Amino acid sequence: MAIITISRQNGSLGDEIASSLAQRLGTTVISRQYALENFFGEITPGALDRLNESAKFFTSNLPGSNRTYADILVERIRSLAANSDEQSLVMLGMGGCVMLSSHPEAVHIRVTASAASRERVISRRYRISPEEAAEVISRSDRKHKRFVQTLFAKDVTDPTLYDLILNTDRLSVDECVDGIMEIVRKHDIKDHLTQESAQGKTFDHQTKTAVFKNETEKEFAGILDMYGIEWLYEPKTFPVKWDSEGNVTMAISPDFYLPRFNLYLELTTMDQKYVTKKNKKMRLVRELYPGTNIRIVYKKDFQELIGRLGHLPPPDNA
């Protein structure tokens, strides 16, 4: 499931993007209004007004408690993120990018737009003049910044808090949502492999650029691309033998990983000497890393493999 935080400038269409994301993911947007209605129990009208108006009031204790509203907010948000296997989380504002900054599955988005674009949106939304819209935007920006600064001592405009910054001057809500969904999907694959590496003591190489060692690998990548099959090149290394001091003496870095099939592929030539050695490594991987789906592929098997993987038709020029 996805964990997405959305920080936005008022009038940048960030609210609409969050709503559309939540609809696609079958979940609810966790906004300030949602938090006030669900996180703090029964709130008196006076306390509710102050929570709506004052960031500083979040640092005060709940009645009869030694815990602040900010403490409860962070606890509840992190609890929802911890249960994201059951339901996706889309969080709007409130410094979500800070609260979940260390969560490996979270993707943090900032939505921006030019002053002119934002003024047009706010003018239409509230039926006010551009000058009045500019004042609304200025006040909103100050309050957003003050909230995050007061609760978390962070600058909400700091670009290093975000994985992706979207400018909606030229991007539609649907385009932004499509882009975010694809990033979340890719992030989930990367996180899956990273967790596997941590649990299985393998070495993670996902950040390196694909540099093929030979024409066979390049050709195979082209075939996968032709059939629209996503691949990663040598994303991890499996140690399979160690010496008496614990140094790795034998390892294998499968040439390709196919996320759709959770499958590692190692290409080889027809030279029996290399085939025997690679088969030995494959056997050790299966023994040492149970559940790892890995196999050797010969060049002559390329088309046959493609057909089995996706039950896809051959290319038009075959």
C-alpha atoms as a PDB file:
ATOM      1  CA  MET A   1       0.000   0.000   0.000  1.00  0.00           C
ATOM      2  CA  ALA A   2       1.078   3.616  -0.596  1.00  0.00           C
ATOM      3  CA  ILE A   3       2.127   6.277   1.915  1.00  0.00           C
ATOM      4  CA  ILE A   4       2.028   9.762   0.368  1.00  0.00           C
ATOM      5  CA  THR A   5       2.385  13.146   2.054  1.00  0.00           C
ATOM      6  CA  ILE A   6       1.268  16.241   0.176  1.00  0.00           C
ATOM      7  CA  SER A   7       2.519  19.718   1.076  1.00  0.00           C
ATOM      8  CA  ARG A   8       1.002  22.464  -1.039  1.00  0.00           C
ATOM      9  CA  GLN A   9       0.804  26.167  -1.590  1.00  0.00           C
ATOM     10  CA  ASN A  10      -2.735  27.494  -1.326  1.00  0.00           C
ATOM     11  CA  GLY A  11      -4.259  27.626  -4.818  1.00  0.00           C
ATOM     12  CA  SER A  12      -1.727  25.221  -6.345  1.00  0.00           C
ATOM     13  CA  LEU A  13      -4.318  22.406  -6.754  1.00  0.00           C
ATOM     14  CA  GLY A  14      -2.639  20.368  -4.012  1.00  0.00           C
ATOM     15  CA  ASP A  15      -5.985  19.687  -2.325  1.00  0.00           C
ATOM     16  CA  GLU A  16      -7.447  18.393  -5.586  1.00  0.00           C
ATOM     17  CA  ILE A  17      -4.408  16.191  -6.187  1.00  0.00           C
ATOM     18  CA  ALA A  18      -4.657  14.720  -2.685  1.00  0.00           C
ATOM     19  CA  SER A  19      -8.370  14.034  -3.152  1.00  0.00           C
ATOM     20  CA  SER A  20      -7.823  12.341  -6.522  1.00  0.00           C
ATOM     21  CA  LEU A  21      -4.975  10.229  -5.122  1.00  0.00           C
ATOM     22  CA  ALA A  22      -7.158   9.100  -2.223  1.00  0.00           C
ATOM     23  CA  GLN A  23      -9.951   8.122  -4.620  1.00  0.00           C
ATOM     24  CA  ARG A  24      -7.598   6.031  -6.746  1.00  0.00           C
ATOM     25  CA  LEU A  25      -6.143   4.330  -3.684  1.00  0.00           C
ATOM     26  CA  GLY A  26      -9.512   3.761  -2.011  1.00  0.00           C
ATOM     27  CA  THR A  27      -8.643   5.716   1.120  1.00  0.00           C
ATOM     28  CA  THR A  28      -9.410   8.989   2.937  1.00  0.00           C
ATOM     29  CA  VAL A  29      -7.342  12.173   2.894  1.00  0.00           C
ATOM     30  CA  ILE A  30      -5.868  12.794   6.345  1.00  0.00           C
ATOM     31  CA  SER A  31      -6.201  16.576   6.567  1.00  0.00           C
ATOM     32  CA  ARG A  32      -6.232  18.969   9.518  1.00  0.00           C
ATOM     33  CA  GLN A  33     -10.031  18.769   9.592  1.00  0.00           C
ATOM     34  CA  TYR A  34      -9.856  14.962   9.704  1.00  0.00           C
ATOM     35  CA  ALA A  35      -7.304  15.124  12.521  1.00  0.00           C
ATOM     36  CA  LEU A  36      -9.427  17.517  14.581  1.00  0.00           C
ATOM     37  CA  GLU A  37     -12.490  15.311  14.167  1.00  0.00           C
ATOM     38  CA  ASN A  38     -10.807  11.986  14.890  1.00  0.00           C
ATOM     39  CA  PHE A  39      -7.523  12.265  16.815  1.00  0.00           C
ATOM     40  CA  PHE A  40      -8.174  14.225  20.015  1.00  0.00           C
ATOM     41  CA  GLY A  41     -11.448  12.933  21.385  1.00  0.00           C
ATOM     42  CA  GLU A  42     -14.112  15.419  22.482  1.00  0.00           C
ATOM     43  CA  ILE A  43     -12.883  18.973  21.886  1.00  0.00           C
ATOM     44  CA  THR A  44     -14.615  22.040  23.330  1.00  0.00           C
ATOM     45  CA  PRO A  45     -15.633  24.712  20.797  1.00  0.00           C
ATOM     46  CA  GLY A  46     -13.086  27.117  22.292  1.00  0.00           C
ATOM     47  CA  ALA A  47     -10.225  24.610  21.980  1.00  0.00           C
ATOM     48  CA  LEU A  48     -11.312  23.744  18.451  1.00  0.00           C
ATOM     49  CA  ASP A  49     -11.207  27.407  17.428  1.00  0.00           C
ATOM     50  CA  ARG A  50      -7.726  27.806  18.888  1.00  0.00           C
ATOM     51  CA  LEU A  51      -6.453  24.652  17.170  1.00  0.00           C
ATOM     52  CA  ASN A  52      -7.785  25.995  13.888  1.00  0.00           C
ATOM     53  CA  GLU A  53      -6.225  29.408  14.374  1.00  0.00           C
ATOM     54  CA  SER A  54      -3.032  28.906  16.357  1.00  0.00           C
ATOM     55  CA  ALA A  55      -0.110  26.614  15.634  1.00  0.00           C
ATOM     56  CA  LYS A  56       1.221  27.319  19.125  1.00  0.00           C
ATOM     57  CA  PHE A  57      -1.913  25.880  20.739  1.00  0.00           C
ATOM     58  CA  PHE A  58      -0.903  22.461  19.363  1.00  0.00           C
ATOM     59  CA  THR A  59       2.045  22.572  21.778  1.00  0.00           C
ATOM     60  CA  SER A  60      -0.291  22.860  24.811  1.00  0.00           C
ATOM     61  CA  ASN A  61      -1.472  19.836  26.772  1.00  0.00           C
ATOM     62  CA  LEU A  62      -4.836  18.183  26.299  1.00  0.00           C
ATOM     63  CA  PRO A  63      -7.152  18.748  29.294  1.00  0.00           C
ATOM     64  CA  GLY A  64      -6.244  16.281  32.063  1.00  0.00           C
ATOM     65  CA  SER A  65      -3.182  15.000  30.205  1.00  0.00           C
ATOM     66  CA  ASN A  66       0.560  15.633  30.177  1.00  0.00           C
ATOM     67  CA  ARG A  67       0.646  15.135  26.411  1.00  0.00           C
ATOM     68  CA  THR A  68       0.304  17.893  23.847  1.00  0.00           C
ATOM     69  CA  TYR A  69      -1.957  17.990  20.817  1.00  0.00           C
ATOM     70  CA  ALA A  70       1.205  17.799  18.700  1.00  0.00           C
ATOM     71  CA  ASP A  71       2.275  14.615  20.536  1.00  0.00           C
ATOM     72  CA  ILE A  72      -1.074  12.990  19.778  1.00  0.00           C
ATOM     73  CA  LEU A  73      -1.008  14.172  16.159  1.00  0.00           C
ATOM     74  CA  VAL A  74       2.416  12.649  15.502  1.00  0.00           C
ATOM     75  CA  GLU A  75       1.499   9.421  17.302  1.00  0.00           C
ATOM     76  CA  ARG A  76      -1.703   8.933  15.321  1.00  0.00           C
ATOM     77  CA  ILE A  77      -0.103   9.725  11.966  1.00  0.00           C
ATOM     78  CA  ARG A  78       2.776   7.324  12.576  1.00  0.00           C
ATOM     79  CA  SER A  79       0.302   4.673  13.718  1.00  0.00           C
ATOM     80  CA  LEU A  80      -1.644   5.033  10.460  1.00  0.00           C
ATOM     81  CA  ALA A  81       1.616   4.742   8.499  1.00  0.00           C
ATOM     82  CA  ALA A  82       2.564   1.617  10.464  1.00  0.00           C
ATOM     83  CA  ASN A  83      -0.724   0.039   9.345  1.00  0.00           C
ATOM     84  CA  SER A  84      -0.313   1.011   5.687  1.00  0.00           C
ATOM     85  CA  ASP A  85      -0.245  -2.683   4.712  1.00  0.00           C
ATOM     86  CA  GLU A  86      -3.988  -2.614   5.411  1.00  0.00           C
ATOM     87  CA  GLN A  87      -4.851   0.785   3.894  1.00  0.00           C
ATOM     88  CA  SER A  88      -2.964   3.421   1.933  1.00  0.00           C
ATOM     89  CA  LEU A  89      -2.251   6.772   3.592  1.00  0.00           C
ATOM     90  CA  VAL A  90      -2.615  10.147   1.862  1.00  0.00           C
ATOM     91  CA  MET A  91      -1.739  12.977   4.241  1.00  0.00           C
ATOM     92  CA  LEU A  92      -2.407  16.604   3.332  1.00  0.00           C
ATOM     93  CA  GLY A  93      -0.371  19.327   5.021  1.00  0.00           C
ATOM     94  CA  MET A  94       0.372  19.420   8.779  1.00  0.00           C
ATOM     95  CA  GLY A  95       4.063  18.702   8.214  1.00  0.00           C
ATOM     96  CA  GLY A  96       3.516  15.122   7.113  1.00  0.00           C
ATOM     97  CA  CYS A  97       6.857  15.123   5.314  1.00  0.00           C
ATOM     98  CA  VAL A  98       8.542  15.776   8.675  1.00  0.00           C
ATOM     99  CA  MET A  99       6.462  13.371  10.750  1.00  0.00           C
ATOM    100  CA  LEU A 100       7.151  10.536   8.310  1.00  0.00           C
ATOM    101  CA  SER A 101      10.586  11.646   7.113  1.00  0.00           C
ATOM    102  CA  SER A 102      12.247   8.433   8.282  1.00  0.00           C
ATOM    103  CA  HIS A 103       9.537   6.071   7.046  1.00  0.00           C
ATOM    104  CA  PRO A 104      11.097   3.999   4.216  1.00  0.00           C
ATOM    105  CA  GLU A 105       7.831   3.563   2.328  1.00  0.00           C
ATOM    106  CA  ALA A 106       6.708   7.198   2.399  1.00  0.00           C
ATOM    107  CA  VAL A 107       6.887   9.436  -0.674  1.00  0.00           C
ATOM    108  CA  HIS A 108       6.855  13.172   0.027  1.00  0.00           C
ATOM    109  CA  ILE A 109       5.345  15.572  -2.528  1.00  0.00           C
ATOM    110  CA  ARG A 110       5.329  19.368  -2.676  1.00  0.00           C
ATOM    111  CA  VAL A 111       2.799  21.077  -4.979  1.00  0.00           C
ATOM    112  CA  THR A 112       3.551  24.611  -6.131  1.00  0.00           C
ATOM    113  CA  ALA A 113       2.401  27.125  -8.751  1.00  0.00           C
ATOM    114  CA  SER A 114       3.144  30.673  -9.808  1.00  0.00           C
ATOM    115  CA  ALA A 115       1.555  33.567  -7.943  1.00  0.00           C
ATOM    116  CA  ALA A 116      -0.581  34.400 -10.989  1.00  0.00           C
ATOM    117  CA  SER A 117      -1.922  30.845 -11.283  1.00  0.00           C
ATOM    118  CA  ARG A 118      -2.677  30.643  -7.589  1.00  0.00           C
ATOM    119  CA  GLU A 119      -4.482  33.989  -7.602  1.00  0.00           C
ATOM    120  CA  ARG A 120      -6.681  32.842 -10.507  1.00  0.00           C
ATOM    121  CA  VAL A 121      -7.595  29.631  -8.679  1.00  0.00           C
ATOM    122  CA  ILE A 122      -8.400  31.403  -5.412  1.00  0.00           C
ATOM    123  CA  SER A 123     -10.351  34.162  -7.196  1.00  0.00           C
ATOM    124  CA  ARG A 124     -12.573  31.571  -8.881  1.00  0.00           C
ATOM    125  CA  ARG A 125     -12.881  29.389  -5.798  1.00  0.00           C
ATOM    126  CA  TYR A 126     -14.046  32.154  -3.460  1.00  0.00           C
ATOM    127  CA  ARG A 127     -15.393  34.628  -6.039  1.00  0.00           C
ATOM    128  CA  ILE A 128     -13.094  37.392  -4.893  1.00  0.00           C
ATOM    129  CA  SER A 129     -10.879  39.892  -6.698  1.00  0.00           C
ATOM    130  CA  PRO A 130      -7.258  39.069  -7.660  1.00  0.00           C
ATOM    131  CA  GLU A 131      -6.082  41.570  -5.035  1.00  0.00           C
ATOM    132  CA  GLU A 132      -8.145  39.852  -2.343  1.00  0.00           C
ATOM    133  CA  ALA A 133      -6.901  36.470  -3.563  1.00  0.00           C
ATOM    134  CA  ALA A 134      -3.297  37.646  -3.242  1.00  0.00           C
ATOM    135  CA  GLU A 135      -3.944  38.589   0.383  1.00  0.00           C
ATOM    136  CA  VAL A 136      -5.574  35.201   1.108  1.00  0.00           C
ATOM    137  CA  ILE A 137      -2.570  33.422  -0.394  1.00  0.00           C
ATOM    138  CA  SER A 138      -0.073  35.521   1.559  1.00  0.00           C
ATOM    139  CA  ARG A 139      -1.865  34.846   4.846  1.00  0.00           C
ATOM    140  CA  SER A 140      -2.164  31.128   4.069  1.00  0.00           C
ATOM    141  CA  ASP A 141       1.530  30.794   3.193  1.00  0.00           C
ATOM    142  CA  ARG A 142       2.523  32.433   6.466  1.00  0.00           C
ATOM    143  CA  LYS A 143       0.250  30.159   8.510  1.00  0.00           C
ATOM    144  CA  HIS A 144       1.464  26.984   6.764  1.00  0.00           C
ATOM    145  CA  LYS A 145       5.070  27.948   7.348  1.00  0.00           C
ATOM    146  CA  ARG A 146       4.427  28.924  10.979  1.00  0.00           C
ATOM    147  CA  PHE A 147       2.652  25.629  11.753  1.00  0.00           C
ATOM    148  CA  VAL A 148       5.547  23.426  10.630  1.00  0.00           C
ATOM    149  CA  GLN A 149       8.137  25.752  12.143  1.00  0.00           C
ATOM    150  CA  THR A 150       6.333  25.831  15.508  1.00  0.00           C
ATOM    151  CA  LEU A 151       5.701  22.084  15.800  1.00  0.00           C
ATOM    152  CA  PHE A 152       8.797  20.659  14.116  1.00  0.00           C
ATOM    153  CA  ALA A 153      11.345  23.493  13.754  1.00  0.00           C
ATOM    154  CA  LYS A 154      11.441  22.924   9.978  1.00  0.00           C
ATOM    155  CA  ASP A 155      10.912  25.221   6.996  1.00  0.00           C
ATOM    156  CA  VAL A 156       8.047  23.812   4.932  1.00  0.00           C
ATOM    157  CA  THR A 157       9.500  25.475   1.810  1.00  0.00           C
ATOM    158  CA  ASP A 158      12.812  23.595   2.149  1.00  0.00           C
ATOM    159  CA  PRO A 159      13.068  21.468  -1.046  1.00  0.00           C
ATOM    160  CA  THR A 160      15.188  18.812   0.699  1.00  0.00           C
ATOM    161  CA  LEU A 161      12.093  17.714   2.637  1.00  0.00           C
ATOM    162  CA  TYR A 162      10.507  16.379  -0.565  1.00  0.00           C
ATOM    163  CA  ASP A 163      11.055  13.568  -3.043  1.00  0.00           C
ATOM    164  CA  LEU A 164       9.180  15.398  -5.807  1.00  0.00           C
ATOM    165  CA  ILE A 165       8.126  19.020  -6.358  1.00  0.00           C
ATOM    166  CA  LEU A 166       5.306  19.571  -8.863  1.00  0.00           C
ATOM    167  CA  ASN A 167       4.518  22.877 -10.584  1.00  0.00           C
ATOM    168  CA  THR A 168       0.871  22.883 -11.645  1.00  0.00           C
ATOM    169  CA  ASP A 169       1.153  25.892 -13.964  1.00  0.00           C
ATOM    170  CA  ARG A 170       1.275  23.431 -16.869  1.00  0.00           C
ATOM    171  CA  LEU A 171       0.422  20.107 -15.260  1.00  0.00           C
ATOM    172  CA  SER A 172      -3.177  19.004 -14.754  1.00  0.00           C
ATOM    173  CA  VAL A 173      -4.405  17.230 -11.635  1.00  0.00           C
ATOM    174  CA  ASP A 174      -4.614  13.946 -13.560  1.00  0.00           C
ATOM    175  CA  GLU A 175      -1.065  14.325 -14.890  1.00  0.00           C
ATOM    176  CA  CYS A 176       0.238  14.982 -11.387  1.00  0.00           C
ATOM    177  CA  VAL A 177      -1.645  12.034  -9.935  1.00  0.00           C
ATOM    178  CA  ASP A 178      -0.413   9.729 -12.712  1.00  0.00           C
ATOM    179  CA  GLY A 179       3.164  10.822 -12.041  1.00  0.00           C
ATOM    180  CA  ILE A 180       2.863  10.351  -8.283  1.00  0.00           C
ATOM    181  CA  MET A 181       1.322   6.895  -8.688  1.00  0.00           C
ATOM    182  CA  GLU A 182       4.179   5.793 -10.947  1.00  0.00           C
ATOM    183  CA  ILE A 183       6.783   7.110  -8.508  1.00  0.00           C
ATOM    184  CA  VAL A 184       5.055   5.300  -5.638  1.00  0.00           C
ATOM    185  CA  ARG A 185       5.050   2.070  -7.664  1.00  0.00           C
ATOM    186  CA  LYS A 186       8.771   2.398  -8.449  1.00  0.00           C
ATOM    187  CA  HIS A 187       9.499   3.328  -4.841  1.00  0.00           C
ATOM    188  CA  ASP A 188       7.664   0.220  -3.623  1.00  0.00           C
ATOM    189  CA  ILE A 189       9.863  -1.969  -5.861  1.00  0.00           C
ATOM    190  CA  LYS A 190      13.025  -0.276  -4.580  1.00  0.00           C
ATOM    191  CA  ASP A 191      11.875  -0.582  -0.967  1.00  0.00           C
ATOM    192  CA  HIS A 192      11.021  -4.265  -1.476  1.00  0.00           C
ATOM    193  CA  LEU A 193      14.522  -5.011  -2.756  1.00  0.00           C
ATOM    194  CA  THR A 194      16.145  -2.894  -0.040  1.00  0.00           C
ATOM    195  CA  GLN A 195      14.269  -4.759   2.686  1.00  0.00           C
ATOM    196  CA  GLU A 196      15.211  -8.087   1.110  1.00  0.00           C
ATOM    197  CA  SER A 197      18.853  -6.997   1.119  1.00  0.00           C
ATOM    198  CA  ALA A 198      18.704  -5.996   4.784  1.00  0.00           C
ATOM    199  CA  GLN A 199      17.035  -9.234   5.823  1.00  0.00           C
ATOM    200  CA  GLY A 200      19.132 -11.548   3.646  1.00  0.00           C
ATOM    201  CA  LYS A 201      22.509  -9.795   4.011  1.00  0.00           C
ATOM    202  CA  THR A 202      22.758  -9.223   0.279  1.00  0.00           C
ATOM    203  CA  PHE A 203      24.302  -6.092  -1.268  1.00  0.00           C
ATOM    204  CA  ASP A 204      21.993  -3.467  -2.756  1.00  0.00           C
ATOM    205  CA  HIS A 205      23.116  -1.786  -6.015  1.00  0.00           C
ATOM    206  CA  GLN A 206      19.878  -0.094  -7.080  1.00  0.00           C
ATOM    207  CA  THR A 207      21.332   3.396  -7.336  1.00  0.00           C
ATOM    208  CA  LYS A 208      23.885   2.541 -10.007  1.00  0.00           C
ATOM    209  CA  THR A 209      23.301   3.240 -13.695  1.00  0.00           C
ATOM    210  CA  ALA A 210      22.933   0.249 -16.001  1.00  0.00           C
ATOM    211  CA  VAL A 211      26.166  -0.309 -17.903  1.00  0.00           C
ATOM    212  CA  PHE A 212      25.904  -3.556 -19.825  1.00  0.00           C
ATOM    213  CA  LYS A 213      28.970  -5.780 -19.843  1.00  0.00           C
ATOM    214  CA  ASN A 214      28.283  -7.316 -23.250  1.00  0.00           C
ATOM    215  CA  GLU A 215      25.985  -7.291 -26.273  1.00  0.00           C
ATOM    216  CA  THR A 216      23.981 -10.252 -24.969  1.00  0.00           C
ATOM    217  CA  GLU A 217      22.755  -8.236 -21.988  1.00  0.00           C
ATOM    218  CA  LYS A 218      22.006  -5.213 -24.158  1.00  0.00           C
ATOM    219  CA  GLU A 219      20.055  -7.384 -26.604  1.00  0.00           C
ATOM    220  CA  PHE A 220      18.063  -9.017 -23.822  1.00  0.00           C
ATOM    221  CA  ALA A 221      17.199  -5.613 -22.325  1.00  0.00           C
ATOM    222  CA  GLY A 222      15.951  -4.568 -25.749  1.00  0.00           C
ATOM    223  CA  ILE A 223      13.692  -7.619 -25.939  1.00  0.00           C
ATOM    224  CA  LEU A 224      12.237  -6.860 -22.504  1.00  0.00           C
ATOM    225  CA  ASP A 225      11.622  -3.260 -23.555  1.00  0.00           C
ATOM    226  CA  MET A 226       9.969  -4.420 -26.768  1.00  0.00           C
ATOM    227  CA  TYR A 227       7.426  -6.405 -24.758  1.00  0.00           C
ATOM    228  CA  GLY A 228       6.928  -3.691 -22.145  1.00  0.00           C
ATOM    229  CA  ILE A 229       8.430  -5.779 -19.346  1.00  0.00           C
ATOM    230  CA  GLU A 230      10.008  -3.628 -16.639  1.00  0.00           C
ATOM    231  CA  TRP A 231      13.526  -4.577 -15.549  1.00  0.00           C
ATOM    232  CA  LEU A 232      16.312  -3.537 -13.201  1.00  0.00           C
ATOM    233  CA  TYR A 233      19.943  -4.253 -14.054  1.00  0.00           C
ATOM    234  CA  GLU A 234      22.028  -6.061 -11.402  1.00  0.00           C
ATOM    235  CA  PRO A 235      20.077  -4.528  -8.485  1.00  0.00           C
ATOM    236  CA  LYS A 236      21.727  -6.697  -5.831  1.00  0.00           C
ATOM    237  CA  THR A 237      24.515  -9.164  -5.089  1.00  0.00           C
ATOM    238  CA  PHE A 238      24.041 -12.489  -3.276  1.00  0.00           C
ATOM    239  CA  PRO A 239      27.129 -13.647  -1.325  1.00  0.00           C
ATOM    240  CA  VAL A 240      27.256 -17.464  -1.411  1.00  0.00           C
ATOM    241  CA  LYS A 241      30.667 -18.356   0.110  1.00  0.00           C
ATOM    242  CA  TRP A 242      32.834 -16.878   2.855  1.00  0.00           C
ATOM    243  CA  ASP A 243      36.306 -17.617   4.209  1.00  0.00           C
ATOM    244  CA  SER A 244      37.149 -18.350   7.856  1.00  0.00           C
ATOM    245  CA  GLU A 245      37.275 -14.612   8.646  1.00  0.00           C
ATOM    246  CA  GLY A 246      33.880 -13.931   7.141  1.00  0.00           C
ATOM    247  CA  ASN A 247      35.125 -12.363   3.914  1.00  0.00           C
ATOM    248  CA  VAL A 248      32.975 -13.029   0.855  1.00  0.00           C
ATOM    249  CA  THR A 249      34.810 -15.345  -1.531  1.00  0.00           C
ATOM    250  CA  MET A 250      31.995 -16.100  -3.987  1.00  0.00           C
ATOM    251  CA  ALA A 251      28.934 -14.077  -4.964  1.00  0.00           C
ATOM    252  CA  ILE A 252      26.505 -13.622  -7.822  1.00  0.00           C
ATOM    253  CA  SER A 253      24.861 -10.450  -9.134  1.00  0.00           C
ATOM    254  CA  PRO A 254      21.973 -11.637 -11.344  1.00  0.00           C
ATOM    255  CA  ASP A 255      21.895  -9.624 -14.564  1.00  0.00           C
ATOM    256  CA  PHE A 256      18.215  -8.683 -14.449  1.00  0.00           C
ATOM    257  CA  TYR A 257      15.381  -8.411 -11.969  1.00  0.00           C
ATOM    258  CA  LEU A 258      11.799  -8.379 -13.297  1.00  0.00           C
ATOM    259  CA  PRO A 259       9.583  -6.713 -10.629  1.00  0.00           C
ATOM    260  CA  ARG A 260       6.345  -7.894 -12.209  1.00  0.00           C
ATOM    261  CA  PHE A 261       7.367 -11.509 -11.695  1.00  0.00           C
ATOM    262  CA  ASN A 262       9.685 -11.077  -8.678  1.00  0.00           C
ATOM    263  CA  LEU A 263      12.239 -12.955 -10.786  1.00  0.00           C
ATOM    264  CA  TYR A 264      16.039 -12.724 -11.059  1.00  0.00           C
ATOM    265  CA  LEU A 265      17.634 -13.758 -14.351  1.00  0.00           C
ATOM    266  CA  GLU A 266      21.261 -14.600 -15.062  1.00  0.00           C
ATOM    267  CA  LEU A 267      22.283 -14.703 -18.721  1.00  0.00           C
ATOM    268  CA  THR A 268      24.992 -17.048 -19.906  1.00  0.00           C
ATOM    269  CA  THR A 269      26.746 -18.279 -23.042  1.00  0.00           C
ATOM    270  CA  MET A 270      26.797 -21.875 -24.262  1.00  0.00           C
ATOM    271  CA  ASP A 271      30.298 -22.462 -22.835  1.00  0.00           C
ATOM    272  CA  GLN A 272      29.790 -25.431 -20.489  1.00  0.00           C
ATOM    273  CA  LYS A 273      32.562 -24.238 -18.155  1.00  0.00           C
ATOM    274  CA  TYR A 274      30.611 -21.069 -17.331  1.00  0.00           C
ATOM    275  CA  VAL A 275      27.276 -22.852 -17.211  1.00  0.00           C
ATOM    276  CA  THR A 276      28.518 -25.310 -14.581  1.00  0.00           C
ATOM    277  CA  LYS A 277      29.919 -22.525 -12.399  1.00  0.00           C
ATOM    278  CA  LYS A 278      26.755 -20.442 -12.630  1.00  0.00           C
ATOM    279  CA  ASN A 279      24.561 -23.440 -11.885  1.00  0.00           C
ATOM    280  CA  LYS A 280      26.556 -23.981  -8.694  1.00  0.00           C
ATOM    281  CA  LYS A 281      25.999 -20.366  -7.671  1.00  0.00           C
ATOM    282  CA  MET A 282      22.283 -20.643  -8.437  1.00  0.00           C
ATOM    283  CA  ARG A 283      21.994 -23.711  -6.219  1.00  0.00           C
ATOM    284  CA  LEU A 284      23.746 -21.916  -3.373  1.00  0.00           C
ATOM    285  CA  VAL A 285      21.471 -18.854  -3.732  1.00  0.00           C
ATOM    286  CA  ARG A 286      18.381 -21.050  -3.457  1.00  0.00           C
ATOM    287  CA  GLU A 287      19.808 -22.812  -0.408  1.00  0.00           C
ATOM    288  CA  LEU A 288      21.019 -19.679   1.406  1.00  0.00           C
ATOM    289  CA  TYR A 289      18.165 -17.328   0.417  1.00  0.00           C
ATOM    290  CA  PRO A 290      14.960 -19.410   0.530  1.00  0.00           C
ATOM    291  CA  GLY A 291      12.138 -18.087  -1.606  1.00  0.00           C
ATOM    292  CA  THR A 292      14.431 -16.281  -4.069  1.00  0.00           C
ATOM    293  CA  ASN A 293      13.117 -16.807  -7.582  1.00  0.00           C
ATOM    294  CA  ILE A 294      16.203 -17.046  -9.782  1.00  0.00           C
ATOM    295  CA  ARG A 295      17.137 -18.865 -12.999  1.00  0.00           C
ATOM    296  CA  ILE A 296      19.689 -19.018 -15.808  1.00  0.00           C
ATOM    297  CA  VAL A 297      18.650 -17.957 -19.298  1.00  0.00           C
ATOM    298  CA  TYR A 298      20.459 -18.972 -22.486  1.00  0.00           C
ATOM    299  CA  LYS A 299      20.372 -16.680 -25.483  1.00  0.00           C
ATOM    300  CA  LYS A 300      18.442 -19.263 -27.490  1.00  0.00           C
ATOM    301  CA  ASP A 301      15.731 -19.229 -24.819  1.00  0.00           C
ATOM    302  CA  PHE A 302      14.982 -15.504 -25.011  1.00  0.00           C
ATOM    303  CA  GLN A 303      11.822 -15.605 -27.105  1.00  0.00           C
ATOM    304  CA  GLU A 304      10.535 -18.723 -25.352  1.00  0.00           C
ATOM    305  CA  LEU A 305      10.992 -17.055 -21.978  1.00  0.00           C
ATOM    306  CA  ILE A 306       9.205 -13.892 -23.059  1.00  0.00           C
ATOM    307  CA  GLY A 307       6.217 -15.923 -24.181  1.00  0.00           C
ATOM    308  CA  ARG A 308       6.023 -17.721 -20.848  1.00  0.00           C
ATOM    309  CA  LEU A 309       6.466 -14.605 -18.730  1.00  0.00           C
ATOM    310  CA  GLY A 310       3.574 -12.553 -19.916  1.00  0.00           C
ATOM    311  CA  HIS A 311       1.785 -14.845 -22.368  1.00  0.00           C
ATOM    312  CA  LEU A 312       2.389 -11.950 -24.726  1.00  0.00           C
ATOM    313  CA  PRO A 313       2.183 -12.184 -28.519  1.00  0.00           C
ATOM    314  CA  PRO A 314       5.423 -12.049 -30.526  1.00  0.00           C
ATOM    315  CA  PRO A 315       6.461  -8.626 -31.832  1.00  0.00           C
ATOM    316  CA  ASP A 316       5.020  -7.524 -35.191  1.00  0.00           C
ATOM    317  CA  ASN A 317       8.385  -7.777 -36.925  1.00  0.00           C
ATOM    318  CA  ALA A 318       9.128 -11.302 -35.631  1.00  0.00           C
END
